[in-house]
Amino acid sequence: MKVIIDTNAILYSVKRKIDLFEAIKIKYGHVPVIIPNLVLAELKALTKKAKSGADKDIAKLAIEILKTKKFSEIKLKKEYADDAILRYAKDKDVVIITHDTQFQERLKQEKIKYTFLTNKKKLN
């Protein structure tokens, strides 16, 4: 099994001061963590185009934190990140970490495993 992290989950973990990679290790053990190129591109874009200065700062901090973490970057076809992640995850043994409730609903419909961080700073 592998874990895929979306943009929303990364930003949420930084805002809440949660070590997402530690939460993954606690829930799933030492599993490969994947972050799509589209997610990394979204974070970079947010450092310049976010509506508030605080959101820009969160995106910058997220990028700095990711530089210290071990993960694999996957190259997905340039499209809306959620669509690309969903397409990649079909028929694969993966869990997607997201806080986007609309994306969670789509994943549920496609029978793709997902999870999210709880208020207790751990994965559901």
C-alpha atoms as a PDB file:
ATOM      1  CA  MET A   1       0.000   0.000   0.000  1.00  0.00           C
ATOM      2  CA  LYS A   2       1.015   3.602  -0.689  1.00  0.00           C
ATOM      3  CA  VAL A   3      -0.310   6.923   0.603  1.00  0.00           C
ATOM      4  CA  ILE A   4      -1.056   9.876  -1.683  1.00  0.00           C
ATOM      5  CA  ILE A   5      -1.338  13.342  -0.143  1.00  0.00           C
ATOM      6  CA  ASP A   6      -3.342  16.118  -1.793  1.00  0.00           C
ATOM      7  CA  THR A   7      -2.825  19.875  -1.480  1.00  0.00           C
ATOM      8  CA  ASN A   8      -5.701  20.386   0.907  1.00  0.00           C
ATOM      9  CA  ALA A   9      -4.321  17.857   3.409  1.00  0.00           C
ATOM     10  CA  ILE A  10      -0.850  19.396   3.324  1.00  0.00           C
ATOM     11  CA  LEU A  11      -2.173  22.912   3.947  1.00  0.00           C
ATOM     12  CA  TYR A  12      -4.509  21.677   6.702  1.00  0.00           C
ATOM     13  CA  SER A  13      -1.662  19.893   8.495  1.00  0.00           C
ATOM     14  CA  VAL A  14       0.555  22.987   8.369  1.00  0.00           C
ATOM     15  CA  LYS A  15      -2.241  25.271   9.622  1.00  0.00           C
ATOM     16  CA  ARG A  16      -2.986  22.876  12.489  1.00  0.00           C
ATOM     17  CA  LYS A  17       0.711  22.252  13.246  1.00  0.00           C
ATOM     18  CA  ILE A  18       0.337  18.516  12.655  1.00  0.00           C
ATOM     19  CA  ASP A  19       3.225  16.370  11.440  1.00  0.00           C
ATOM     20  CA  LEU A  20       1.354  14.633   8.646  1.00  0.00           C
ATOM     21  CA  PHE A  21       4.189  12.215   7.957  1.00  0.00           C
ATOM     22  CA  GLU A  22       4.246  11.146  11.616  1.00  0.00           C
ATOM     23  CA  ALA A  23       0.464  10.647  11.518  1.00  0.00           C
ATOM     24  CA  ILE A  24       0.909   8.429   8.445  1.00  0.00           C
ATOM     25  CA  LYS A  25       3.588   6.385  10.205  1.00  0.00           C
ATOM     26  CA  ILE A  26       1.393   5.932  13.291  1.00  0.00           C
ATOM     27  CA  LYS A  27      -1.629   4.810  11.258  1.00  0.00           C
ATOM     28  CA  TYR A  28       0.032   2.778   8.481  1.00  0.00           C
ATOM     29  CA  GLY A  29       3.621   2.129   9.539  1.00  0.00           C
ATOM     30  CA  HIS A  30       6.468   2.739   7.132  1.00  0.00           C
ATOM     31  CA  VAL A  31       4.653   2.999   3.809  1.00  0.00           C
ATOM     32  CA  PRO A  32       5.687   4.876   0.685  1.00  0.00           C
ATOM     33  CA  VAL A  33       4.298   8.412   0.565  1.00  0.00           C
ATOM     34  CA  ILE A  34       3.484   9.951  -2.803  1.00  0.00           C
ATOM     35  CA  ILE A  35       2.912  13.597  -3.643  1.00  0.00           C
ATOM     36  CA  PRO A  36       1.860  14.327  -7.219  1.00  0.00           C
ATOM     37  CA  ASN A  37       3.696  16.964  -9.244  1.00  0.00           C
ATOM     38  CA  LEU A  38       0.373  18.803  -9.600  1.00  0.00           C
ATOM     39  CA  VAL A  39       0.091  19.161  -5.814  1.00  0.00           C
ATOM     40  CA  LEU A  40       3.611  20.562  -5.563  1.00  0.00           C
ATOM     41  CA  ALA A  41       2.797  22.971  -8.413  1.00  0.00           C
ATOM     42  CA  GLU A  42      -0.377  24.101  -6.613  1.00  0.00           C
ATOM     43  CA  LEU A  43       1.625  24.826  -3.459  1.00  0.00           C
ATOM     44  CA  LYS A  44       4.138  26.876  -5.427  1.00  0.00           C
ATOM     45  CA  ALA A  45       1.360  28.800  -7.151  1.00  0.00           C
ATOM     46  CA  LEU A  46      -0.273  29.561  -3.804  1.00  0.00           C
ATOM     47  CA  THR A  47       2.930  31.210  -2.561  1.00  0.00           C
ATOM     48  CA  LYS A  48       2.299  33.899  -5.174  1.00  0.00           C
ATOM     49  CA  LYS A  49      -1.433  33.855  -5.913  1.00  0.00           C
ATOM     50  CA  ALA A  50      -3.158  33.090  -2.609  1.00  0.00           C
ATOM     51  CA  LYS A  51      -5.697  35.743  -1.679  1.00  0.00           C
ATOM     52  CA  SER A  52      -4.301  36.415   1.777  1.00  0.00           C
ATOM     53  CA  GLY A  53      -0.776  36.880   3.013  1.00  0.00           C
ATOM     54  CA  ALA A  54      -1.398  34.224   5.660  1.00  0.00           C
ATOM     55  CA  ASP A  55      -2.299  31.650   2.984  1.00  0.00           C
ATOM     56  CA  LYS A  56       0.847  32.551   1.045  1.00  0.00           C
ATOM     57  CA  ASP A  57       2.888  32.042   4.220  1.00  0.00           C
ATOM     58  CA  ILE A  58       1.230  28.669   4.908  1.00  0.00           C
ATOM     59  CA  ALA A  59       2.047  27.510   1.372  1.00  0.00           C
ATOM     60  CA  LYS A  60       5.673  28.659   1.733  1.00  0.00           C
ATOM     61  CA  LEU A  61       5.982  26.867   5.070  1.00  0.00           C
ATOM     62  CA  ALA A  62       4.443  23.721   3.581  1.00  0.00           C
ATOM     63  CA  ILE A  63       7.073  23.703   0.831  1.00  0.00           C
ATOM     64  CA  GLU A  64       9.863  24.158   3.380  1.00  0.00           C
ATOM     65  CA  ILE A  65       8.496  21.312   5.524  1.00  0.00           C
ATOM     66  CA  LEU A  66       8.228  19.004   2.515  1.00  0.00           C
ATOM     67  CA  LYS A  67      11.901  19.616   1.738  1.00  0.00           C
ATOM     68  CA  THR A  68      12.694  17.838   5.018  1.00  0.00           C
ATOM     69  CA  LYS A  69      10.433  14.836   4.383  1.00  0.00           C
ATOM     70  CA  LYS A  70      10.911  11.636   2.432  1.00  0.00           C
ATOM     71  CA  PHE A  71       8.370  11.088  -0.332  1.00  0.00           C
ATOM     72  CA  SER A  72       8.147  10.179  -3.990  1.00  0.00           C
ATOM     73  CA  GLU A  73       6.908  12.657  -6.535  1.00  0.00           C
ATOM     74  CA  ILE A  74       4.766  11.204  -9.274  1.00  0.00           C
ATOM     75  CA  LYS A  75       4.245  12.926 -12.583  1.00  0.00           C
ATOM     76  CA  LEU A  76       0.584  13.114 -13.481  1.00  0.00           C
ATOM     77  CA  LYS A  77      -0.961  14.462 -16.650  1.00  0.00           C
ATOM     78  CA  LYS A  78      -1.554  18.194 -16.395  1.00  0.00           C
ATOM     79  CA  GLU A  79      -5.190  18.599 -15.433  1.00  0.00           C
ATOM     80  CA  TYR A  80      -7.182  19.395 -12.322  1.00  0.00           C
ATOM     81  CA  ALA A  81      -5.220  17.709  -9.497  1.00  0.00           C
ATOM     82  CA  ASP A  82      -8.193  15.864  -7.974  1.00  0.00           C
ATOM     83  CA  ASP A  83      -9.108  14.350 -11.344  1.00  0.00           C
ATOM     84  CA  ALA A  84      -5.524  13.246 -11.958  1.00  0.00           C
ATOM     85  CA  ILE A  85      -5.173  11.746  -8.476  1.00  0.00           C
ATOM     86  CA  LEU A  86      -8.470   9.885  -8.814  1.00  0.00           C
ATOM     87  CA  ARG A  87      -7.490   8.517 -12.215  1.00  0.00           C
ATOM     88  CA  TYR A  88      -4.077   7.411 -10.893  1.00  0.00           C
ATOM     89  CA  ALA A  89      -5.559   5.757  -7.798  1.00  0.00           C
ATOM     90  CA  LYS A  90      -8.046   3.554  -9.649  1.00  0.00           C
ATOM     91  CA  ASP A  91      -7.066  -0.114  -9.421  1.00  0.00           C
ATOM     92  CA  LYS A  92      -4.074   0.658  -7.179  1.00  0.00           C
ATOM     93  CA  ASP A  93      -3.510  -0.184  -3.530  1.00  0.00           C
ATOM     94  CA  VAL A  94      -3.417   3.398  -2.255  1.00  0.00           C
ATOM     95  CA  VAL A  95      -5.000   5.572   0.399  1.00  0.00           C
ATOM     96  CA  ILE A  96      -5.539   9.250  -0.399  1.00  0.00           C
ATOM     97  CA  ILE A  97      -5.275  11.823   2.361  1.00  0.00           C
ATOM     98  CA  THR A  98      -7.580  14.783   1.721  1.00  0.00           C
ATOM     99  CA  HIS A  99      -9.710  17.252   3.648  1.00  0.00           C
ATOM    100  CA  ASP A 100     -11.745  18.235   0.612  1.00  0.00           C
ATOM    101  CA  THR A 101     -15.234  16.868   1.344  1.00  0.00           C
ATOM    102  CA  GLN A 102     -16.308  17.024  -2.315  1.00  0.00           C
ATOM    103  CA  PHE A 103     -13.226  15.033  -3.305  1.00  0.00           C
ATOM    104  CA  GLN A 104     -13.926  12.556  -0.497  1.00  0.00           C
ATOM    105  CA  GLU A 105     -17.426  12.019  -1.918  1.00  0.00           C
ATOM    106  CA  ARG A 106     -16.004  11.352  -5.379  1.00  0.00           C
ATOM    107  CA  LEU A 107     -13.482   8.898  -3.918  1.00  0.00           C
ATOM    108  CA  LYS A 108     -16.249   7.130  -2.011  1.00  0.00           C
ATOM    109  CA  GLN A 109     -18.301   6.776  -5.221  1.00  0.00           C
ATOM    110  CA  GLU A 110     -15.279   5.311  -7.021  1.00  0.00           C
ATOM    111  CA  LYS A 111     -14.543   2.992  -4.047  1.00  0.00           C
ATOM    112  CA  ILE A 112     -11.077   4.471  -3.554  1.00  0.00           C
ATOM    113  CA  LYS A 113      -9.757   4.454   0.003  1.00  0.00           C
ATOM    114  CA  TYR A 114      -9.207   7.827   1.664  1.00  0.00           C
ATOM    115  CA  THR A 115      -8.631   9.315   5.084  1.00  0.00           C
ATOM    116  CA  PHE A 116      -8.226  12.706   6.729  1.00  0.00           C
ATOM    117  CA  LEU A 117      -6.712  14.254   9.844  1.00  0.00           C
ATOM    118  CA  THR A 118      -8.897  14.495  12.916  1.00  0.00           C
ATOM    119  CA  ASN A 119      -8.934  17.247  15.508  1.00  0.00           C
ATOM    120  CA  LYS A 120      -6.868  14.900  17.658  1.00  0.00           C
ATOM    121  CA  LYS A 121      -3.988  15.285  15.191  1.00  0.00           C
ATOM    122  CA  LYS A 122      -4.201  11.763  13.826  1.00  0.00           C
ATOM    123  CA  LEU A 123      -5.607  10.093  10.742  1.00  0.00           C
ATOM    124  CA  ASN A 124      -9.215   8.957  10.849  1.00  0.00           C
END
